[in-house]
Amino acid sequence: MSAPEPVIVSAAVVAGHDGQAELAVDICYSNGATRQTVFPVDALAPVLDAAGVTEVGDLVGRPWSVLLAGRQLHAPNATAPNTSTPNTSSRRTSEEPQPCST
């Protein structure tokens, strides 16, 4: 049985280090681990189109795979990112990872 597909748990347009707008997205994996990915703001329209939404906040709860539309815009020959669940063995807590809430 495969793990559930990672989902977007937050998305926002933020200021990048160079002052240019960027799309910052937090992705949650089935083991509770989260990772952030950042896209140039011009990837926003293709990502929203792929998700079938019109607002950045509406990306929350969508599968991570809608982000591939933005990735393809900037790297047409790129392969899909690794979707395996991140290793959380280095966590400093004794608690079991909990699923992220959307």
PDB file of N, CA and C in Angstrom:
ATOM      1  N   MET A   1       0.842  -1.168   0.000  1.00  0.00           N
ATOM      2  CA  MET A   1       0.000   0.000   0.000  1.00  0.00           C
ATOM      3  C   MET A   1       0.892   1.237   0.000  1.00  0.00           C
ATOM      4  N   SER A   2       0.600   2.175  -0.881  1.00  0.00           N
ATOM      5  CA  SER A   2       1.444   3.366  -0.961  1.00  0.00           C
ATOM      6  C   SER A   2       0.944   4.447  -0.010  1.00  0.00           C
ATOM      7  N   ALA A   3       1.852   5.313   0.375  1.00  0.00           N
ATOM      8  CA  ALA A   3       1.518   6.420   1.281  1.00  0.00           C
ATOM      9  C   ALA A   3       0.681   7.442   0.527  1.00  0.00           C
ATOM     10  N   PRO A   4      -0.158   8.177   1.244  1.00  0.00           N
ATOM     11  CA  PRO A   4      -0.937   9.224   0.591  1.00  0.00           C
ATOM     12  C   PRO A   4      -0.015  10.258  -0.053  1.00  0.00           C
ATOM     13  N   GLU A   5      -0.506  10.858  -1.122  1.00  0.00           N
ATOM     14  CA  GLU A   5       0.273  11.885  -1.819  1.00  0.00           C
ATOM     15  C   GLU A   5       0.474  13.097  -0.908  1.00  0.00           C
ATOM     16  N   PRO A   6       1.667  13.677  -0.893  1.00  0.00           N
ATOM     17  CA  PRO A   6       1.893  14.885  -0.106  1.00  0.00           C
ATOM     18  C   PRO A   6       0.925  15.992  -0.523  1.00  0.00           C
ATOM     19  N   VAL A   7       0.573  16.858   0.432  1.00  0.00           N
ATOM     20  CA  VAL A   7      -0.376  17.934   0.155  1.00  0.00           C
ATOM     21  C   VAL A   7       0.207  19.288   0.552  1.00  0.00           C
ATOM     22  N   ILE A   8      -0.340  20.316  -0.063  1.00  0.00           N
ATOM     23  CA  ILE A   8       0.050  21.685   0.239  1.00  0.00           C
ATOM     24  C   ILE A   8      -0.666  22.111   1.518  1.00  0.00           C
ATOM     25  N   VAL A   9       0.088  22.600   2.496  1.00  0.00           N
ATOM     26  CA  VAL A   9      -0.508  23.040   3.762  1.00  0.00           C
ATOM     27  C   VAL A   9      -0.450  24.550   3.950  1.00  0.00           C
ATOM     28  N   SER A  10       0.353  25.239   3.154  1.00  0.00           N
ATOM     29  CA  SER A  10       0.316  26.701   3.140  1.00  0.00           C
ATOM     30  C   SER A  10       0.924  27.188   1.833  1.00  0.00           C
ATOM     31  N   ALA A  11       0.448  28.347   1.395  1.00  0.00           N
ATOM     32  CA  ALA A  11       0.956  28.952   0.164  1.00  0.00           C
ATOM     33  C   ALA A  11       0.779  30.457   0.273  1.00  0.00           C
ATOM     34  N   ALA A  12       1.815  31.183  -0.117  1.00  0.00           N
ATOM     35  CA  ALA A  12       1.755  32.646  -0.042  1.00  0.00           C
ATOM     36  C   ALA A  12       2.754  33.247  -1.016  1.00  0.00           C
ATOM     37  N   VAL A  13       2.438  34.446  -1.474  1.00  0.00           N
ATOM     38  CA  VAL A  13       3.394  35.231  -2.236  1.00  0.00           C
ATOM     39  C   VAL A  13       4.209  36.003  -1.210  1.00  0.00           C
ATOM     40  N   VAL A  14       5.530  35.845  -1.274  1.00  0.00           N
ATOM     41  CA  VAL A  14       6.434  36.445  -0.288  1.00  0.00           C
ATOM     42  C   VAL A  14       7.538  37.216  -1.012  1.00  0.00           C
ATOM     43  N   ALA A  15       8.239  38.044  -0.255  1.00  0.00           N
ATOM     44  CA  ALA A  15       9.394  38.759  -0.802  1.00  0.00           C
ATOM     45  C   ALA A  15      10.594  37.833  -0.830  1.00  0.00           C
ATOM     46  N   GLY A  16      11.240  37.738  -1.964  1.00  0.00           N
ATOM     47  CA  GLY A  16      12.450  36.935  -2.080  1.00  0.00           C
ATOM     48  C   GLY A  16      13.658  37.694  -1.578  1.00  0.00           C
ATOM     49  N   HIS A  17      14.775  37.017  -1.490  1.00  0.00           N
ATOM     50  CA  HIS A  17      15.995  37.647  -0.976  1.00  0.00           C
ATOM     51  C   HIS A  17      16.460  38.806  -1.846  1.00  0.00           C
ATOM     52  N   ASP A  18      16.078  38.791  -3.128  1.00  0.00           N
ATOM     53  CA  ASP A  18      16.481  39.865  -4.034  1.00  0.00           C
ATOM     54  C   ASP A  18      15.397  40.939  -4.175  1.00  0.00           C
ATOM     55  N   GLY A  19      14.357  40.838  -3.348  1.00  0.00           N
ATOM     56  CA  GLY A  19      13.276  41.817  -3.391  1.00  0.00           C
ATOM     57  C   GLY A  19      12.177  41.481  -4.381  1.00  0.00           C
ATOM     58  N   GLN A  20      12.379  40.450  -5.185  1.00  0.00           N
ATOM     59  CA  GLN A  20      11.363  40.024  -6.145  1.00  0.00           C
ATOM     60  C   GLN A  20      10.375  39.090  -5.457  1.00  0.00           C
ATOM     61  N   ALA A  21       9.123  39.152  -5.883  1.00  0.00           N
ATOM     62  CA  ALA A  21       8.094  38.288  -5.307  1.00  0.00           C
ATOM     63  C   ALA A  21       8.366  36.825  -5.670  1.00  0.00           C
ATOM     64  N   GLU A  22       8.039  35.932  -4.742  1.00  0.00           N
ATOM     65  CA  GLU A  22       8.162  34.496  -4.948  1.00  0.00           C
ATOM     66  C   GLU A  22       6.924  33.804  -4.396  1.00  0.00           C
ATOM     67  N   LEU A  23       6.649  32.625  -4.897  1.00  0.00           N
ATOM     68  CA  LEU A  23       5.573  31.788  -4.374  1.00  0.00           C
ATOM     69  C   LEU A  23       6.206  30.780  -3.425  1.00  0.00           C
ATOM     70  N   ALA A  24       5.870  30.884  -2.135  1.00  0.00           N
ATOM     71  CA  ALA A  24       6.389  29.961  -1.125  1.00  0.00           C
ATOM     72  C   ALA A  24       5.286  28.974  -0.753  1.00  0.00           C
ATOM     73  N   VAL A  25       5.601  27.688  -0.819  1.00  0.00           N
ATOM     74  CA  VAL A  25       4.612  26.635  -0.578  1.00  0.00           C
ATOM     75  C   VAL A  25       5.185  25.633   0.412  1.00  0.00           C
ATOM     76  N   ASP A  26       4.426  25.317   1.464  1.00  0.00           N
ATOM     77  CA  ASP A  26       4.795  24.265   2.409  1.00  0.00           C
ATOM     78  C   ASP A  26       4.043  23.001   2.029  1.00  0.00           C
ATOM     79  N   ILE A  27       4.778  21.899   1.947  1.00  0.00           N
ATOM     80  CA  ILE A  27       4.215  20.606   1.574  1.00  0.00           C
ATOM     81  C   ILE A  27       4.327  19.673   2.771  1.00  0.00           C
ATOM     82  N   CYS A  28       3.252  18.952   3.071  1.00  0.00           N
ATOM     83  CA  CYS A  28       3.238  18.008   4.182  1.00  0.00           C
ATOM     84  C   CYS A  28       3.206  16.577   3.648  1.00  0.00           C
ATOM     85  N   TYR A  29       4.042  15.744   4.242  1.00  0.00           N
ATOM     86  CA  TYR A  29       4.109  14.333   3.878  1.00  0.00           C
ATOM     87  C   TYR A  29       3.319  13.500   4.888  1.00  0.00           C
ATOM     88  N   SER A  30       3.017  12.278   4.532  1.00  0.00           N
ATOM     89  CA  SER A  30       2.151  11.435   5.357  1.00  0.00           C
ATOM     90  C   SER A  30       2.714  11.160   6.750  1.00  0.00           C
ATOM     91  N   ASN A  31       4.026  11.314   6.931  1.00  0.00           N
ATOM     92  CA  ASN A  31       4.601  11.064   8.253  1.00  0.00           C
ATOM     93  C   ASN A  31       4.639  12.325   9.119  1.00  0.00           C
ATOM     94  N   GLY A  32       4.082  13.430   8.615  1.00  0.00           N
ATOM     95  CA  GLY A  32       4.040  14.664   9.380  1.00  0.00           C
ATOM     96  C   GLY A  32       5.152  15.641   9.060  1.00  0.00           C
ATOM     97  N   ALA A  33       6.142  15.227   8.314  1.00  0.00           N
ATOM     98  CA  ALA A  33       7.232  16.125   7.940  1.00  0.00           C
ATOM     99  C   ALA A  33       6.738  17.157   6.937  1.00  0.00           C
ATOM    100  N   THR A  34       7.247  18.367   7.047  1.00  0.00           N
ATOM    101  CA  THR A  34       6.910  19.405   6.075  1.00  0.00           C
ATOM    102  C   THR A  34       8.186  19.944   5.450  1.00  0.00           C
ATOM    103  N   ARG A  35       8.069  20.400   4.229  1.00  0.00           N
ATOM    104  CA  ARG A  35       9.180  21.018   3.505  1.00  0.00           C
ATOM    105  C   ARG A  35       8.625  22.215   2.753  1.00  0.00           C
ATOM    106  N   GLN A  36       9.437  23.268   2.643  1.00  0.00           N
ATOM    107  CA  GLN A  36       9.017  24.431   1.881  1.00  0.00           C
ATOM    108  C   GLN A  36       9.742  24.440   0.543  1.00  0.00           C
ATOM    109  N   THR A  37       9.021  24.858  -0.480  1.00  0.00           N
ATOM    110  CA  THR A  37       9.611  25.048  -1.787  1.00  0.00           C
ATOM    111  C   THR A  37       9.217  26.435  -2.259  1.00  0.00           C
ATOM    112  N   VAL A  38      10.071  27.043  -3.050  1.00  0.00           N
ATOM    113  CA  VAL A  38       9.841  28.407  -3.505  1.00  0.00           C
ATOM    114  C   VAL A  38       9.966  28.445  -5.021  1.00  0.00           C
ATOM    115  N   PHE A  39       9.041  29.167  -5.648  1.00  0.00           N
ATOM    116  CA  PHE A  39       9.031  29.346  -7.095  1.00  0.00           C
ATOM    117  C   PHE A  39       9.063  30.834  -7.423  1.00  0.00           C
ATOM    118  N   PRO A  40       9.608  31.207  -8.574  1.00  0.00           N
ATOM    119  CA  PRO A  40       9.470  32.590  -9.013  1.00  0.00           C
ATOM    120  C   PRO A  40       7.985  32.920  -9.177  1.00  0.00           C
ATOM    121  N   VAL A  41       7.610  34.149  -8.955  1.00  0.00           N
ATOM    122  CA  VAL A  41       6.199  34.517  -8.981  1.00  0.00           C
ATOM    123  C   VAL A  41       5.557  34.270 -10.349  1.00  0.00           C
ATOM    124  N   ASP A  42       6.334  34.257 -11.417  1.00  0.00           N
ATOM    125  CA  ASP A  42       5.723  33.997 -12.727  1.00  0.00           C
ATOM    126  C   ASP A  42       5.282  32.544 -12.886  1.00  0.00           C
ATOM    127  N   ALA A  43       5.626  31.684 -11.937  1.00  0.00           N
ATOM    128  CA  ALA A  43       5.119  30.311 -11.935  1.00  0.00           C
ATOM    129  C   ALA A  43       3.722  30.232 -11.327  1.00  0.00           C
ATOM    130  N   LEU A  44       3.276  31.326 -10.714  1.00  0.00           N
ATOM    131  CA  LEU A  44       1.991  31.319 -10.009  1.00  0.00           C
ATOM    132  C   LEU A  44       0.815  31.000 -10.923  1.00  0.00           C
ATOM    133  N   ALA A  45       0.716  31.655 -12.052  1.00  0.00           N
ATOM    134  CA  ALA A  45      -0.434  31.430 -12.950  1.00  0.00           C
ATOM    135  C   ALA A  45      -0.537  29.977 -13.400  1.00  0.00           C
ATOM    136  N   PRO A  46       0.562  29.347 -13.871  1.00  0.00           N
ATOM    137  CA  PRO A  46       0.446  27.941 -14.262  1.00  0.00           C
ATOM    138  C   PRO A  46       0.068  27.015 -13.097  1.00  0.00           C
ATOM    139  N   VAL A  47       0.570  27.322 -11.910  1.00  0.00           N
ATOM    140  CA  VAL A  47       0.251  26.497 -10.734  1.00  0.00           C
ATOM    141  C   VAL A  47      -1.234  26.637 -10.385  1.00  0.00           C
ATOM    142  N   LEU A  48      -1.734  27.871 -10.363  1.00  0.00           N
ATOM    143  CA  LEU A  48      -3.158  28.085 -10.073  1.00  0.00           C
ATOM    144  C   LEU A  48      -4.024  27.394 -11.124  1.00  0.00           C
ATOM    145  N   ASP A  49      -3.635  27.509 -12.394  1.00  0.00           N
ATOM    146  CA  ASP A  49      -4.393  26.842 -13.462  1.00  0.00           C
ATOM    147  C   ASP A  49      -4.406  25.329 -13.269  1.00  0.00           C
ATOM    148  N   ALA A  50      -3.247  24.754 -12.947  1.00  0.00           N
ATOM    149  CA  ALA A  50      -3.159  23.302 -12.753  1.00  0.00           C
ATOM    150  C   ALA A  50      -4.026  22.843 -11.593  1.00  0.00           C
ATOM    151  N   ALA A  51      -4.143  23.703 -10.568  1.00  0.00           N
ATOM    152  CA  ALA A  51      -4.946  23.358  -9.392  1.00  0.00           C
ATOM    153  C   ALA A  51      -6.427  23.665  -9.605  1.00  0.00           C
ATOM    154  N   GLY A  52      -6.746  24.445 -10.635  1.00  0.00           N
ATOM    155  CA  GLY A  52      -8.139  24.797 -10.894  1.00  0.00           C
ATOM    156  C   GLY A  52      -8.667  25.822  -9.904  1.00  0.00           C
ATOM    157  N   VAL A  53      -7.782  26.711  -9.425  1.00  0.00           N
ATOM    158  CA  VAL A  53      -8.174  27.736  -8.456  1.00  0.00           C
ATOM    159  C   VAL A  53      -7.713  29.105  -8.956  1.00  0.00           C
ATOM    160  N   THR A  54      -8.204  30.162  -8.298  1.00  0.00           N
ATOM    161  CA  THR A  54      -7.830  31.513  -8.701  1.00  0.00           C
ATOM    162  C   THR A  54      -7.091  32.285  -7.610  1.00  0.00           C
ATOM    163  N   GLU A  55      -7.063  31.771  -6.400  1.00  0.00           N
ATOM    164  CA  GLU A  55      -6.415  32.442  -5.276  1.00  0.00           C
ATOM    165  C   GLU A  55      -5.296  31.567  -4.712  1.00  0.00           C
ATOM    166  N   VAL A  56      -4.200  32.197  -4.303  1.00  0.00           N
ATOM    167  CA  VAL A  56      -3.062  31.460  -3.748  1.00  0.00           C
ATOM    168  C   VAL A  56      -3.482  30.602  -2.560  1.00  0.00           C
ATOM    169  N   GLY A  57      -4.291  31.151  -1.667  1.00  0.00           N
ATOM    170  CA  GLY A  57      -4.719  30.418  -0.480  1.00  0.00           C
ATOM    171  C   GLY A  57      -5.521  29.170  -0.795  1.00  0.00           C
ATOM    172  N   ASP A  58      -6.118  29.129  -1.981  1.00  0.00           N
ATOM    173  CA  ASP A  58      -6.902  27.961  -2.370  1.00  0.00           C
ATOM    174  C   ASP A  58      -6.037  26.763  -2.767  1.00  0.00           C
ATOM    175  N   LEU A  59      -4.723  26.941  -2.811  1.00  0.00           N
ATOM    176  CA  LEU A  59      -3.827  25.812  -3.066  1.00  0.00           C
ATOM    177  C   LEU A  59      -3.756  24.871  -1.863  1.00  0.00           C
ATOM    178  N   VAL A  60      -4.070  25.387  -0.679  1.00  0.00           N
ATOM    179  CA  VAL A  60      -4.021  24.578   0.545  1.00  0.00           C
ATOM    180  C   VAL A  60      -4.985  23.397   0.407  1.00  0.00           C
ATOM    181  N   GLY A  61      -4.468  22.218   0.706  1.00  0.00           N
ATOM    182  CA  GLY A  61      -5.251  20.991   0.609  1.00  0.00           C
ATOM    183  C   GLY A  61      -5.114  20.281  -0.732  1.00  0.00           C
ATOM    184  N   ARG A  62      -4.515  20.949  -1.702  1.00  0.00           N
ATOM    185  CA  ARG A  62      -4.315  20.345  -3.029  1.00  0.00           C
ATOM    186  C   ARG A  62      -3.075  19.456  -2.992  1.00  0.00           C
ATOM    187  N   PRO A  63      -3.011  18.450  -3.877  1.00  0.00           N
ATOM    188  CA  PRO A  63      -1.817  17.597  -3.932  1.00  0.00           C
ATOM    189  C   PRO A  63      -0.608  18.397  -4.418  1.00  0.00           C
ATOM    190  N   TRP A  64       0.556  17.998  -3.970  1.00  0.00           N
ATOM    191  CA  TRP A  64       1.793  18.680  -4.352  1.00  0.00           C
ATOM    192  C   TRP A  64       1.997  18.693  -5.851  1.00  0.00           C
ATOM    193  N   SER A  65       1.428  17.717  -6.551  1.00  0.00           N
ATOM    194  CA  SER A  65       1.681  17.563  -7.986  1.00  0.00           C
ATOM    195  C   SER A  65       1.222  18.763  -8.816  1.00  0.00           C
ATOM    196  N   VAL A  66       0.319  19.603  -8.284  1.00  0.00           N
ATOM    197  CA  VAL A  66      -0.074  20.801  -9.045  1.00  0.00           C
ATOM    198  C   VAL A  66       1.108  21.750  -9.208  1.00  0.00           C
ATOM    199  N   LEU A  67       2.115  21.616  -8.364  1.00  0.00           N
ATOM    200  CA  LEU A  67       3.286  22.485  -8.443  1.00  0.00           C
ATOM    201  C   LEU A  67       4.169  22.174  -9.649  1.00  0.00           C
ATOM    202  N   LEU A  68       3.982  21.006 -10.232  1.00  0.00           N
ATOM    203  CA  LEU A  68       4.789  20.638 -11.398  1.00  0.00           C
ATOM    204  C   LEU A  68       4.573  21.595 -12.558  1.00  0.00           C
ATOM    205  N   ALA A  69       3.404  22.209 -12.649  1.00  0.00           N
ATOM    206  CA  ALA A  69       3.143  23.170 -13.722  1.00  0.00           C
ATOM    207  C   ALA A  69       4.120  24.342 -13.626  1.00  0.00           C
ATOM    208  N   GLY A  70       4.401  24.814 -12.423  1.00  0.00           N
ATOM    209  CA  GLY A  70       5.364  25.884 -12.235  1.00  0.00           C
ATOM    210  C   GLY A  70       6.783  25.437 -12.481  1.00  0.00           C
ATOM    211  N   ARG A  71       7.075  24.221 -12.093  1.00  0.00           N
ATOM    212  CA  ARG A  71       8.421  23.683 -12.296  1.00  0.00           C
ATOM    213  C   ARG A  71       8.711  23.539 -13.780  1.00  0.00           C
ATOM    214  N   GLN A  72       7.749  23.079 -14.542  1.00  0.00           N
ATOM    215  CA  GLN A  72       7.955  22.883 -15.972  1.00  0.00           C
ATOM    216  C   GLN A  72       8.184  24.207 -16.698  1.00  0.00           C
ATOM    217  N   LEU A  73       7.590  25.273 -16.189  1.00  0.00           N
ATOM    218  CA  LEU A  73       7.769  26.590 -16.782  1.00  0.00           C
ATOM    219  C   LEU A  73       9.234  26.998 -16.760  1.00  0.00           C
ATOM    220  N   HIS A  74       9.945  26.652 -15.684  1.00  0.00           N
ATOM    221  CA  HIS A  74      11.323  27.090 -15.521  1.00  0.00           C
ATOM    222  C   HIS A  74      12.361  26.031 -15.830  1.00  0.00           C
ATOM    223  N   ALA A  75      11.938  24.801 -15.948  1.00  0.00           N
ATOM    224  CA  ALA A  75      12.886  23.722 -16.250  1.00  0.00           C
ATOM    225  C   ALA A  75      12.167  22.661 -17.079  1.00  0.00           C
ATOM    226  N   PRO A  76      11.907  22.958 -18.360  1.00  0.00           N
ATOM    227  CA  PRO A  76      11.101  22.040 -19.171  1.00  0.00           C
ATOM    228  C   PRO A  76      11.668  20.638 -19.292  1.00  0.00           C
ATOM    229  N   ASN A  77      12.964  20.461 -19.112  1.00  0.00           N
ATOM    230  CA  ASN A  77      13.559  19.128 -19.207  1.00  0.00           C
ATOM    231  C   ASN A  77      13.814  18.505 -17.844  1.00  0.00           C
ATOM    232  N   ALA A  78      13.349  19.166 -16.785  1.00  0.00           N
ATOM    233  CA  ALA A  78      13.590  18.669 -15.425  1.00  0.00           C
ATOM    234  C   ALA A  78      12.719  17.454 -15.136  1.00  0.00           C
ATOM    235  N   THR A  79      13.227  16.611 -14.283  1.00  0.00           N
ATOM    236  CA  THR A  79      12.441  15.462 -13.849  1.00  0.00           C
ATOM    237  C   THR A  79      11.620  15.866 -12.635  1.00  0.00           C
ATOM    238  N   ALA A  80      10.607  15.098 -12.351  1.00  0.00           N
ATOM    239  CA  ALA A  80       9.754  15.373 -11.190  1.00  0.00           C
ATOM    240  C   ALA A  80      10.579  15.242  -9.914  1.00  0.00           C
ATOM    241  N   PRO A  81      10.241  16.058  -8.906  1.00  0.00           N
ATOM    242  CA  PRO A  81      10.969  15.953  -7.642  1.00  0.00           C
ATOM    243  C   PRO A  81      10.703  14.624  -6.953  1.00  0.00           C
ATOM    244  N   ASN A  82      11.595  14.261  -6.058  1.00  0.00           N
ATOM    245  CA  ASN A  82      11.446  13.040  -5.283  1.00  0.00           C
ATOM    246  C   ASN A  82      10.223  13.174  -4.376  1.00  0.00           C
ATOM    247  N   THR A  83       9.266  12.278  -4.513  1.00  0.00           N
ATOM    248  CA  THR A  83       8.047  12.361  -3.713  1.00  0.00           C
ATOM    249  C   THR A  83       8.050  11.391  -2.541  1.00  0.00           C
ATOM    250  N   SER A  84       9.176  10.747  -2.319  1.00  0.00           N
ATOM    251  CA  SER A  84       9.216   9.838  -1.175  1.00  0.00           C
ATOM    252  C   SER A  84       9.145  10.646   0.112  1.00  0.00           C
ATOM    253  N   THR A  85       8.654  10.036   1.137  1.00  0.00           N
ATOM    254  CA  THR A  85       8.502  10.706   2.419  1.00  0.00           C
ATOM    255  C   THR A  85       9.871  11.045   2.986  1.00  0.00           C
ATOM    256  N   PRO A  86      10.072  12.314   3.389  1.00  0.00           N
ATOM    257  CA  PRO A  86      11.379  12.683   3.938  1.00  0.00           C
ATOM    258  C   PRO A  86      11.709  11.883   5.195  1.00  0.00           C
ATOM    259  N   ASN A  87      12.983  11.645   5.395  1.00  0.00           N
ATOM    260  CA  ASN A  87      13.447  10.934   6.574  1.00  0.00           C
ATOM    261  C   ASN A  87      13.368  11.877   7.767  1.00  0.00           C
ATOM    262  N   THR A  88      12.649  11.477   8.783  1.00  0.00           N
ATOM    263  CA  THR A  88      12.523  12.314   9.972  1.00  0.00           C
ATOM    264  C   THR A  88      13.261  11.692  11.159  1.00  0.00           C
ATOM    265  N   SER A  89      14.181  10.768  10.882  1.00  0.00           N
ATOM    266  CA  SER A  89      14.873  10.087  11.972  1.00  0.00           C
ATOM    267  C   SER A  89      15.748  11.042  12.779  1.00  0.00           C
ATOM    268  N   SER A  90      16.060  12.214  12.237  1.00  0.00           N
ATOM    269  CA  SER A  90      16.892  13.160  12.972  1.00  0.00           C
ATOM    270  C   SER A  90      16.078  14.093  13.867  1.00  0.00           C
ATOM    271  N   ARG A  91      14.778  13.857  13.976  1.00  0.00           N
ATOM    272  CA  ARG A  91      13.952  14.675  14.854  1.00  0.00           C
ATOM    273  C   ARG A  91      14.485  14.596  16.273  1.00  0.00           C
ATOM    274  N   ARG A  92      14.394  15.703  16.991  1.00  0.00           N
ATOM    275  CA  ARG A  92      14.899  15.745  18.360  1.00  0.00           C
ATOM    276  C   ARG A  92      13.807  15.485  19.376  1.00  0.00           C
ATOM    277  N   THR A  93      12.672  15.100  18.936  1.00  0.00           N
ATOM    278  CA  THR A  93      11.563  14.837  19.843  1.00  0.00           C
ATOM    279  C   THR A  93      11.315  13.342  19.919  1.00  0.00           C
ATOM    280  N   SER A  94      10.792  12.895  21.034  1.00  0.00           N
ATOM    281  CA  SER A  94      10.486  11.475  21.177  1.00  0.00           C
ATOM    282  C   SER A  94       9.083  11.164  20.682  1.00  0.00           C
ATOM    283  N   GLU A  95       8.340  12.203  20.309  1.00  0.00           N
ATOM    284  CA  GLU A  95       6.971  11.992  19.829  1.00  0.00           C
ATOM    285  C   GLU A  95       6.983  11.416  18.437  1.00  0.00           C
ATOM    286  N   GLU A  96       5.971  10.632  18.146  1.00  0.00           N
ATOM    287  CA  GLU A  96       5.794  10.117  16.804  1.00  0.00           C
ATOM    288  C   GLU A  96       5.342  11.256  15.898  1.00  0.00           C
ATOM    289  N   PRO A  97       5.779  11.280  14.640  1.00  0.00           N
ATOM    290  CA  PRO A  97       5.326  12.315  13.728  1.00  0.00           C
ATOM    291  C   PRO A  97       3.796  12.256  13.590  1.00  0.00           C
ATOM    292  N   GLN A  98       3.186  13.407  13.517  1.00  0.00           N
ATOM    293  CA  GLN A  98       1.741  13.482  13.362  1.00  0.00           C
ATOM    294  C   GLN A  98       1.424  14.026  11.981  1.00  0.00           C
ATOM    295  N   PRO A  99       0.332  13.542  11.384  1.00  0.00           N
ATOM    296  CA  PRO A  99      -0.044  14.079  10.072  1.00  0.00           C
ATOM    297  C   PRO A  99      -0.313  15.573  10.184  1.00  0.00           C
ATOM    298  N   CYS A 100       0.027  16.299   9.123  1.00  0.00           N
ATOM    299  CA  CYS A 100      -0.236  17.729   9.098  1.00  0.00           C
ATOM    300  C   CYS A 100      -1.724  17.952   8.908  1.00  0.00           C
ATOM    301  N   SER A 101      -2.213  19.041   9.445  1.00  0.00           N
ATOM    302  CA  SER A 101      -3.609  19.387   9.213  1.00  0.00           C
ATOM    303  C   SER A 101      -3.658  20.468   8.162  1.00  0.00           C
ATOM    304  N   THR A 102      -4.708  20.457   7.366  1.00  0.00           N
ATOM    305  CA  THR A 102      -4.845  21.461   6.314  1.00  0.00           C
ATOM    306  C   THR A 102      -5.911  22.465   6.688  1.00  0.00           C
TER     307      THR A 102
END
